Amino acid sequence: MDSQNNLSQRVDLSIRTLLELQLSQWQQLRSQLEADEEVSQVSIVYCTT
């Protein structure tokens, strides 16, 4: 029972770490996109025409 509890704690920690990594990547991407917002809008307009 103790080993199973240990495993679930490790899995929980791994998932949490993964989510935090993903979140920080998204935040970086978002700030990059906000910095390039004007360029992005121009690109979108260019692509749709």
C-alpha atoms as a PDB file:
ATOM      1  CA  MET A   1       0.000   0.000   0.000  1.00  0.00           C
ATOM      2  CA  ASP A   2       2.804   2.372   0.878  1.00  0.00           C
ATOM      3  CA  SER A   3       4.575   1.841  -2.437  1.00  0.00           C
ATOM      4  CA  GLN A   4       1.371   2.550  -4.341  1.00  0.00           C
ATOM      5  CA  ASN A   5       0.900   5.763  -2.400  1.00  0.00           C
ATOM      6  CA  ASN A   6       4.490   6.683  -3.209  1.00  0.00           C
ATOM      7  CA  LEU A   7       3.884   6.027  -6.887  1.00  0.00           C
ATOM      8  CA  SER A   8       0.746   8.150  -6.988  1.00  0.00           C
ATOM      9  CA  GLN A   9       2.623  10.992  -5.301  1.00  0.00           C
ATOM     10  CA  ARG A  10       5.366  10.732  -7.903  1.00  0.00           C
ATOM     11  CA  VAL A  11       2.863  10.653 -10.763  1.00  0.00           C
ATOM     12  CA  ASP A  12       1.085  13.645  -9.254  1.00  0.00           C
ATOM     13  CA  LEU A  13       4.376  15.496  -9.014  1.00  0.00           C
ATOM     14  CA  SER A  14       5.300  14.619 -12.605  1.00  0.00           C
ATOM     15  CA  ILE A  15       1.959  15.830 -13.900  1.00  0.00           C
ATOM     16  CA  ARG A  16       2.241  19.027 -11.894  1.00  0.00           C
ATOM     17  CA  THR A  17       5.774  19.609 -13.193  1.00  0.00           C
ATOM     18  CA  LEU A  18       4.624  18.964 -16.751  1.00  0.00           C
ATOM     19  CA  LEU A  19       1.734  21.384 -16.375  1.00  0.00           C
ATOM     20  CA  GLU A  20       3.972  24.059 -14.903  1.00  0.00           C
ATOM     21  CA  LEU A  21       6.437  23.605 -17.749  1.00  0.00           C
ATOM     22  CA  GLN A  22       3.651  23.837 -20.295  1.00  0.00           C
ATOM     23  CA  LEU A  23       2.214  26.888 -18.569  1.00  0.00           C
ATOM     24  CA  SER A  24       5.539  28.710 -18.559  1.00  0.00           C
ATOM     25  CA  GLN A  25       6.020  27.852 -22.239  1.00  0.00           C
ATOM     26  CA  TRP A  26       2.574  29.233 -23.023  1.00  0.00           C
ATOM     27  CA  GLN A  27       3.330  32.394 -21.055  1.00  0.00           C
ATOM     28  CA  GLN A  28       6.569  32.873 -22.980  1.00  0.00           C
ATOM     29  CA  LEU A  29       4.774  32.282 -26.254  1.00  0.00           C
ATOM     30  CA  ARG A  30       2.028  34.680 -25.280  1.00  0.00           C
ATOM     31  CA  SER A  31       4.428  37.449 -24.319  1.00  0.00           C
ATOM     32  CA  GLN A  32       6.297  36.876 -27.580  1.00  0.00           C
ATOM     33  CA  LEU A  33       3.037  37.126 -29.485  1.00  0.00           C
ATOM     34  CA  GLU A  34       2.074  40.290 -27.624  1.00  0.00           C
ATOM     35  CA  ALA A  35       5.454  41.784 -28.474  1.00  0.00           C
ATOM     36  CA  ASP A  36       4.953  40.854 -32.130  1.00  0.00           C
ATOM     37  CA  GLU A  37       1.269  41.725 -32.177  1.00  0.00           C
ATOM     38  CA  GLU A  38       1.500  44.265 -34.984  1.00  0.00           C
ATOM     39  CA  VAL A  39       3.612  41.917 -37.070  1.00  0.00           C
ATOM     40  CA  SER A  40       1.118  39.100 -36.432  1.00  0.00           C
ATOM     41  CA  GLN A  41      -1.827  41.231 -37.515  1.00  0.00           C
ATOM     42  CA  VAL A  42      -0.013  42.178 -40.704  1.00  0.00           C
ATOM     43  CA  SER A  43       0.779  38.503 -41.340  1.00  0.00           C
ATOM     44  CA  ILE A  44      -2.843  37.490 -40.800  1.00  0.00           C
ATOM     45  CA  VAL A  45      -4.060  40.198 -43.177  1.00  0.00           C
ATOM     46  CA  TYR A  46      -1.434  39.119 -45.693  1.00  0.00           C
ATOM     47  CA  CYS A  47      -2.435  35.459 -45.414  1.00  0.00           C
ATOM     48  CA  THR A  48      -6.156  36.088 -45.810  1.00  0.00           C
ATOM     49  CA  THR A  49      -5.835  38.222 -48.939  1.00  0.00           C
END
